[in-house]
Amino acid sequence: MNMALFHPLRWSWLTTALFTLMIGVMAATLALPTSAEPPMKTYRILMVLWRGEEDAVQGFRDYFATQRIPVSIMVRDAAGDLAKLPGLLKEAKAIRPDLVVTWGTSVTLALLGPYDAADPNPYLPAAGIPGIFMIVSQPVESRIVPALASSGRNITGTAYLVPEETQLRAARSYFDFDKIGIVYNDKEDNARLSVEALRALAPTLGYTLIERPLPLDRKGNPRADLIEPLVAEIAAAGAQLLYQPPDSFLNVNRDRLTQAALARGLPTLAAGENPVRNSYALMGIINRYYTVGQLTAYKARQILVEGLNPKEIPIEAPKRFSFMINLPVALQLGRYPPMNLLKFAEIIEGDTDIRRP
């Protein structure tokens, strides 16, 4: 026997060579063509909006991009025109996407219908097209669903409005008030439901509600030119807080409303994000639109990818809301936030005078 073969140095060299050979064989094996996984389906989503794209839509898009789920999102915008909705419903039926996403109460009712409709056949769920709604403030009160636990039909969705009682109690941690004013568009379900909620809460929370619905013009549209006079009436009646409800018309005209209040030393509490972040409302106890969009996309994934039945998916809002304060407005009003509020509030800083819608 040749003992030189067992010399330690030679053995070490042989071991290294064998190991290298094994690695090479494994790498070559991995490089061989294998049966590739079939490409993931591209899901077709029709998104019908009420007033154009905003943060909720971006949050929806970003979720699918981050999760690397291929989607083709077709966007249709009603541009605030109710007359366009029947045509968009007809188009959705013709396209037959994998999912329809509706933005806002008006669009949702027009395409998905109320849960107790006498004739459900005109709406998308009856046509076998699943739907998911977002930026609907009160889906139960609007009769879109009978309960948040389940729609009972081929739709689900997300809520975004923090309950009015929670908003008002949180606002009182900033300063106290016993007279609240509200200007609202009586033609809009969201605004009307919010006024009803404020009326119901008044005895419990101990405040007087000063209501000013917007008069309509000859075409039946609310008059934006009367916003400032109505705010002046509310201020003259002794209101200590102006509440801006979830009202699409007032969101578009948020500068007129909040500037009129600010000019009279009247702080505005907004139910939505835009009047605080991009206008002159003092504060808002809100769910961010972007977060709502992401939550809606997650539920869309449950339908498209995981194959869940929409009625099995509960209607939910984000778990945490934000207490948002516009600091330049606070300083102009002479209402600097209390220190205990500053610990958790989101402070909007910057020059309010140069910000635009």
Protein backbone atom coordinates (compact mmCIF):
# COMPACT_ATOMS: atom_id res chain seq x y z
CA MET A 1 0.00 0.00 0.00
CA ASN A 2 1.24 3.45 -0.87
CA MET A 3 1.10 5.28 2.45
CA ALA A 4 1.83 8.56 0.67
CA LEU A 5 -1.82 8.64 -0.30
CA PHE A 6 -2.73 9.09 3.35
CA HIS A 7 -0.35 11.94 4.01
CA PRO A 8 -2.34 14.63 5.85
CA LEU A 9 -1.58 17.37 3.33
CA ARG A 10 -2.52 15.17 0.35
CA TRP A 11 -5.74 14.07 2.12
CA SER A 12 -6.67 17.70 2.78
CA TRP A 13 -6.13 18.47 -0.88
CA LEU A 14 -8.29 15.55 -2.01
CA THR A 15 -11.07 16.54 0.37
CA THR A 16 -11.08 20.10 -0.96
CA ALA A 17 -11.10 18.88 -4.56
CA LEU A 18 -14.01 16.51 -3.95
CA PHE A 19 -16.00 19.24 -2.16
CA THR A 20 -15.41 21.65 -5.02
CA LEU A 21 -16.52 19.00 -7.53
CA MET A 22 -19.73 18.38 -5.57
CA ILE A 23 -20.53 22.10 -5.49
CA GLY A 24 -19.98 22.29 -9.24
CA VAL A 25 -22.31 19.37 -9.90
CA MET A 26 -25.00 20.90 -7.70
CA ALA A 27 -24.71 24.26 -9.44
CA ALA A 28 -24.94 22.62 -12.85
CA THR A 29 -28.01 20.69 -11.73
CA LEU A 30 -29.70 23.86 -10.49
CA ALA A 31 -28.90 25.56 -13.78
CA LEU A 32 -30.73 22.89 -15.78
CA PRO A 33 -34.10 24.01 -17.15
CA THR A 34 -37.01 22.99 -14.93
CA SER A 35 -40.72 23.14 -15.36
CA ALA A 36 -41.33 26.84 -14.68
CA GLU A 37 -44.22 27.92 -12.44
CA PRO A 38 -47.04 29.37 -14.47
CA PRO A 39 -47.07 33.19 -14.40
CA MET A 40 -49.42 34.74 -11.87
CA LYS A 41 -52.73 35.87 -13.32
CA THR A 42 -53.14 39.59 -13.97
CA TYR A 43 -56.34 40.59 -12.20
CA ARG A 44 -58.61 43.10 -13.96
CA ILE A 45 -59.97 45.75 -11.57
CA LEU A 46 -62.41 48.47 -12.54
CA MET A 47 -62.23 51.43 -10.17
CA VAL A 48 -65.10 53.91 -10.33
CA LEU A 49 -64.40 57.23 -8.59
CA TRP A 50 -66.59 60.14 -7.56
CA ARG A 51 -64.15 63.05 -7.81
CA GLY A 52 -60.86 61.85 -9.27
CA GLU A 53 -57.84 60.10 -7.85
CA GLU A 54 -56.54 60.94 -4.38
CA ASP A 55 -54.66 59.31 -1.48
CA ALA A 56 -57.00 56.33 -1.02
CA VAL A 57 -56.52 55.37 -4.67
CA GLN A 58 -52.75 55.74 -4.31
CA GLY A 59 -52.78 53.57 -1.21
CA PHE A 60 -54.74 50.93 -3.13
CA ARG A 61 -52.27 50.98 -6.03
CA ASP A 62 -49.22 50.92 -3.75
CA TYR A 63 -50.43 47.85 -1.87
CA PHE A 64 -50.55 45.72 -5.01
CA ALA A 65 -47.21 47.09 -6.23
CA THR A 66 -45.55 46.29 -2.88
CA GLN A 67 -47.07 42.81 -2.78
CA ARG A 68 -46.05 42.21 -6.41
CA ILE A 69 -49.53 41.09 -7.36
CA PRO A 70 -50.12 41.85 -11.05
CA VAL A 71 -53.24 43.95 -11.57
CA SER A 72 -54.65 45.98 -14.40
CA ILE A 73 -56.59 48.89 -12.89
CA MET A 74 -59.08 50.63 -15.19
CA VAL A 75 -60.19 53.99 -13.75
CA ARG A 76 -63.46 55.75 -14.47
CA ASP A 77 -64.32 59.10 -12.90
CA ALA A 78 -67.86 60.39 -12.42
CA ALA A 79 -66.38 63.86 -11.75
CA GLY A 80 -69.08 64.55 -9.17
CA ASP A 81 -71.87 64.08 -11.72
CA LEU A 82 -74.69 61.74 -10.69
CA ALA A 83 -75.92 61.65 -14.29
CA LYS A 84 -72.78 59.72 -15.32
CA LEU A 85 -73.34 56.83 -12.94
CA PRO A 86 -75.93 54.82 -14.94
CA GLY A 87 -73.55 54.78 -17.90
CA LEU A 88 -70.67 53.63 -15.69
CA LEU A 89 -72.86 50.82 -14.32
CA LYS A 90 -73.64 49.71 -17.87
CA GLU A 91 -69.95 49.84 -18.80
CA ALA A 92 -68.96 47.75 -15.76
CA LYS A 93 -71.41 45.03 -16.82
CA ALA A 94 -69.98 45.07 -20.34
CA ILE A 95 -66.34 44.90 -19.19
CA ARG A 96 -67.00 42.19 -16.58
CA PRO A 97 -63.80 42.77 -14.57
CA ASP A 98 -62.61 40.44 -11.84
CA LEU A 99 -63.53 43.10 -9.27
CA VAL A 100 -65.18 46.52 -9.18
CA VAL A 101 -63.95 49.08 -6.63
CA THR A 102 -66.30 51.96 -5.84
CA TRP A 103 -65.26 55.22 -4.19
CA GLY A 104 -67.81 57.05 -2.07
CA THR A 105 -71.42 56.51 -1.06
CA SER A 106 -73.05 57.87 -4.23
CA VAL A 107 -71.00 55.69 -6.57
CA THR A 108 -71.43 52.63 -4.34
CA LEU A 109 -75.22 52.93 -4.19
CA ALA A 110 -75.42 53.49 -7.95
CA LEU A 111 -73.29 50.46 -8.88
CA LEU A 112 -73.67 48.02 -5.99
CA GLY A 113 -77.12 49.12 -4.84
CA PRO A 114 -78.71 49.06 -1.38
CA TYR A 115 -78.85 45.67 0.30
CA ASP A 116 -82.66 45.88 0.57
CA ALA A 117 -83.36 47.02 -2.99
CA ALA A 118 -86.83 45.99 -4.18
CA ASP A 119 -85.19 44.89 -7.43
CA PRO A 120 -81.51 43.92 -7.04
CA ASN A 121 -81.13 42.86 -10.68
CA PRO A 122 -79.86 46.20 -12.08
CA TYR A 123 -76.80 46.17 -9.81
CA LEU A 124 -73.42 44.47 -10.19
CA PRO A 125 -73.72 41.85 -7.40
CA ALA A 126 -76.74 40.34 -9.15
CA ALA A 127 -74.70 40.21 -12.37
CA GLY A 128 -72.10 38.02 -10.65
CA ILE A 129 -69.48 40.78 -10.50
CA PRO A 130 -67.94 41.15 -7.01
CA GLY A 131 -67.58 44.63 -5.57
CA ILE A 132 -65.64 46.37 -2.84
CA PHE A 133 -66.29 49.92 -1.64
CA MET A 134 -64.12 52.50 0.08
CA ILE A 135 -64.48 56.05 1.46
CA VAL A 136 -68.05 55.32 2.49
CA SER A 137 -68.62 57.05 5.82
CA GLN A 138 -71.67 55.13 7.06
CA PRO A 139 -72.27 51.92 5.09
CA VAL A 140 -74.97 50.59 7.43
CA GLU A 141 -76.93 53.84 7.71
CA SER A 142 -76.64 54.28 3.92
CA ARG A 143 -78.19 50.79 3.51
CA ILE A 144 -75.24 49.46 1.55
CA VAL A 145 -74.87 46.63 4.06
CA PRO A 146 -77.19 45.43 6.84
CA ALA A 147 -74.31 45.01 9.28
CA LEU A 148 -70.54 45.45 9.34
CA ALA A 149 -69.99 41.76 10.06
CA SER A 150 -71.25 40.73 6.62
CA SER A 151 -72.86 42.31 3.59
CA GLY A 152 -74.89 39.15 2.96
CA ARG A 153 -74.11 39.43 -0.75
CA ASN A 154 -71.29 39.59 -3.28
CA ILE A 155 -69.63 42.73 -1.86
CA THR A 156 -67.48 43.94 1.02
CA GLY A 157 -65.68 47.19 1.79
CA THR A 158 -64.06 49.53 4.24
CA ALA A 159 -65.33 52.39 6.40
CA TYR A 160 -63.35 55.55 7.04
CA LEU A 161 -65.40 57.84 9.28
CA VAL A 162 -64.47 57.93 12.96
CA PRO A 163 -67.78 57.89 14.88
CA GLU A 164 -69.06 61.40 15.64
CA GLU A 165 -69.15 60.73 19.38
CA THR A 166 -65.47 59.73 19.35
CA GLN A 167 -64.62 62.85 17.35
CA LEU A 168 -66.40 65.20 19.73
CA ARG A 169 -65.06 63.60 22.91
CA ALA A 170 -61.54 63.75 21.49
CA ALA A 171 -62.01 67.38 20.43
CA ARG A 172 -62.95 68.25 24.02
CA SER A 173 -59.51 67.14 25.11
CA TYR A 174 -58.33 70.22 23.18
CA PHE A 175 -60.91 72.72 24.47
CA ASP A 176 -64.48 72.64 25.75
CA PHE A 177 -67.54 73.83 23.84
CA ASP A 178 -71.30 73.75 24.24
CA LYS A 179 -72.44 75.23 20.91
CA ILE A 180 -71.57 73.55 17.60
CA GLY A 181 -72.41 74.92 14.18
CA ILE A 182 -72.73 72.97 10.95
CA VAL A 183 -73.13 73.99 7.31
CA TYR A 184 -74.07 71.06 5.10
CA ASN A 185 -75.40 69.92 1.75
CA ASP A 186 -78.81 68.37 2.41
CA LYS A 187 -78.66 66.56 -0.95
CA GLU A 188 -75.77 64.39 0.18
CA ASP A 189 -76.56 61.29 2.24
CA ASN A 190 -73.31 61.40 4.20
CA ALA A 191 -73.87 64.96 5.36
CA ARG A 192 -77.51 64.34 6.25
CA LEU A 193 -76.65 61.24 8.28
CA SER A 194 -73.92 63.15 10.10
CA VAL A 195 -76.36 65.91 11.07
CA GLU A 196 -78.76 63.27 12.39
CA ALA A 197 -75.95 61.76 14.47
CA LEU A 198 -75.02 65.17 15.90
CA ARG A 199 -78.65 65.84 16.82
CA ALA A 200 -78.89 62.51 18.60
CA LEU A 201 -75.66 63.11 20.54
CA ALA A 202 -76.52 66.63 21.68
CA PRO A 203 -78.43 65.67 24.89
CA THR A 204 -75.79 63.12 25.92
CA LEU A 205 -72.76 65.33 25.28
CA GLY A 206 -74.45 68.53 26.39
CA TYR A 207 -74.28 70.93 23.45
CA THR A 208 -76.59 72.95 21.24
CA LEU A 209 -76.45 72.29 17.49
CA ILE A 210 -76.81 75.26 15.13
CA GLU A 211 -77.75 73.94 11.68
CA ARG A 212 -77.50 75.73 8.37
CA PRO A 213 -78.33 73.62 5.27
CA LEU A 214 -77.11 75.11 1.99
CA PRO A 215 -79.88 76.58 -0.20
CA LEU A 216 -80.10 75.22 -3.75
CA ASP A 217 -79.95 77.08 -7.04
CA ARG A 218 -82.53 76.74 -9.84
CA LYS A 219 -80.85 73.54 -11.07
CA GLY A 220 -81.08 71.97 -7.63
CA ASN A 221 -77.38 72.31 -6.78
CA PRO A 222 -76.08 73.71 -3.47
CA ARG A 223 -74.94 77.32 -3.66
CA ALA A 224 -71.26 77.71 -2.81
CA ASP A 225 -71.62 81.51 -2.71
CA LEU A 226 -73.76 81.21 0.44
CA ILE A 227 -71.17 79.31 2.47
CA GLU A 228 -69.60 82.46 3.94
CA PRO A 229 -72.92 84.11 4.94
CA LEU A 230 -74.07 80.90 6.65
CA VAL A 231 -70.80 80.63 8.59
CA ALA A 232 -71.26 84.26 9.64
CA GLU A 233 -74.76 83.40 10.93
CA ILE A 234 -73.39 80.47 12.91
CA ALA A 235 -70.65 82.59 14.45
CA ALA A 236 -73.18 85.34 15.33
CA ALA A 237 -75.35 82.70 17.04
CA GLY A 238 -72.51 82.00 19.46
CA ALA A 239 -71.03 78.76 18.10
CA GLN A 240 -67.65 77.84 19.61
CA LEU A 241 -66.89 75.13 17.04
CA LEU A 242 -67.76 74.58 13.39
CA TYR A 243 -68.10 70.94 12.34
CA GLN A 244 -67.33 70.04 8.72
CA PRO A 245 -69.15 66.77 7.95
CA PRO A 246 -68.17 64.10 5.40
CA ASP A 247 -69.63 66.09 2.53
CA SER A 248 -68.11 65.95 -0.98
CA PHE A 249 -69.44 69.38 -1.94
CA LEU A 250 -67.95 71.01 1.15
CA ASN A 251 -64.68 69.14 0.67
CA VAL A 252 -64.36 70.71 -2.77
CA ASN A 253 -65.23 74.09 -1.19
CA ARG A 254 -63.23 73.50 1.98
CA ASP A 255 -61.19 76.71 1.64
CA ARG A 256 -64.33 78.87 1.50
CA LEU A 257 -65.79 77.15 4.56
CA THR A 258 -62.70 77.00 6.77
CA GLN A 259 -61.39 80.46 5.82
CA ALA A 260 -64.79 81.98 6.62
CA ALA A 261 -64.70 80.32 10.03
CA LEU A 262 -61.09 81.31 10.69
CA ALA A 263 -61.82 84.94 9.79
CA ARG A 264 -64.41 84.97 12.59
CA GLY A 265 -62.22 83.23 15.14
CA LEU A 266 -64.27 80.05 14.86
CA PRO A 267 -62.25 76.78 14.95
CA THR A 268 -63.27 74.02 12.54
CA LEU A 269 -63.37 70.32 13.43
CA ALA A 270 -63.29 68.28 10.20
CA ALA A 271 -64.48 64.72 9.71
CA GLY A 272 -61.95 64.22 6.90
CA GLU A 273 -58.24 64.69 6.34
CA ASN A 274 -58.13 67.27 3.53
CA PRO A 275 -59.61 70.26 5.40
CA VAL A 276 -56.91 69.97 8.06
CA ARG A 277 -53.94 68.97 5.91
CA ASN A 278 -54.69 71.12 2.88
CA SER A 279 -56.93 73.91 4.14
CA TYR A 280 -57.77 75.91 7.30
CA ALA A 281 -59.56 73.53 9.67
CA LEU A 282 -58.02 73.50 13.14
CA MET A 283 -58.29 69.77 13.78
CA GLY A 284 -59.63 66.45 12.62
CA ILE A 285 -60.05 63.08 14.28
CA ILE A 286 -59.68 61.04 11.14
CA ASN A 287 -58.66 57.87 9.37
CA ARG A 288 -56.09 58.62 6.68
CA TYR A 289 -57.33 58.08 3.15
CA TYR A 290 -54.06 56.35 2.20
CA THR A 291 -54.47 53.83 5.02
CA VAL A 292 -58.07 53.20 4.02
CA GLY A 293 -56.92 52.55 0.45
CA GLN A 294 -54.34 50.02 1.64
CA LEU A 295 -56.90 48.24 3.82
CA THR A 296 -59.30 48.11 0.86
CA ALA A 297 -56.56 46.60 -1.31
CA TYR A 298 -55.88 43.94 1.33
CA LYS A 299 -59.55 42.93 1.22
CA ALA A 300 -59.43 42.95 -2.58
CA ARG A 301 -56.50 40.54 -2.36
CA GLN A 302 -58.56 38.23 -0.15
CA ILE A 303 -61.19 38.10 -2.90
CA LEU A 304 -58.91 37.86 -5.95
CA VAL A 305 -55.94 35.83 -4.76
CA GLU A 306 -57.25 33.88 -1.78
CA GLY A 307 -60.64 33.20 -3.30
CA LEU A 308 -62.74 34.34 -0.32
CA ASN A 309 -66.40 35.12 -0.85
CA PRO A 310 -66.88 38.88 -0.32
CA LYS A 311 -69.75 38.30 2.11
CA GLU A 312 -67.32 36.39 4.35
CA ILE A 313 -65.10 39.47 4.70
CA PRO A 314 -66.27 41.99 7.34
CA ILE A 315 -66.49 45.71 6.66
CA GLU A 316 -63.83 47.45 8.77
CA ALA A 317 -62.10 50.76 9.33
CA PRO A 318 -58.39 51.10 10.13
CA LYS A 319 -57.60 50.05 13.69
CA ARG A 320 -56.15 53.42 14.72
CA PHE A 321 -57.30 56.94 13.95
CA SER A 322 -55.19 60.11 13.87
CA PHE A 323 -55.73 63.31 15.85
CA MET A 324 -54.55 65.91 13.35
CA ILE A 325 -53.89 69.55 14.28
CA ASN A 326 -53.10 72.40 11.89
CA LEU A 327 -50.53 74.37 13.89
CA PRO A 328 -50.55 77.62 11.85
CA VAL A 329 -54.33 77.78 12.28
CA ALA A 330 -54.01 77.02 16.00
CA LEU A 331 -51.57 79.90 16.40
CA GLN A 332 -53.80 82.26 14.43
CA LEU A 333 -56.74 81.32 16.67
CA GLY A 334 -54.61 81.66 19.81
CA ARG A 335 -55.32 78.02 20.73
CA TYR A 336 -51.97 76.32 21.17
CA PRO A 337 -52.51 72.59 21.77
CA PRO A 338 -52.19 71.32 25.38
CA MET A 339 -48.96 69.45 26.09
CA ASN A 340 -50.73 66.15 26.78
CA LEU A 341 -52.33 66.38 23.32
CA LEU A 342 -49.02 67.12 21.62
CA LYS A 343 -47.67 63.76 22.81
CA PHE A 344 -49.80 61.82 20.33
CA ALA A 345 -51.34 64.31 17.87
CA GLU A 346 -50.11 64.63 14.30
CA ILE A 347 -49.06 68.24 13.85
CA ILE A 348 -49.42 69.83 10.43
CA GLU A 349 -46.84 72.58 10.11
CA GLY A 350 -46.10 75.04 7.34
CA ASP A 351 -47.43 78.25 5.88
CA THR A 352 -51.21 77.92 5.70
CA ASP A 353 -51.47 81.09 3.62
CA ILE A 354 -49.65 79.57 0.66
CA ARG A 355 -51.23 76.10 0.69
CA ARG A 356 -53.76 75.34 -2.00
CA PRO A 357 -56.40 72.61 -2.49
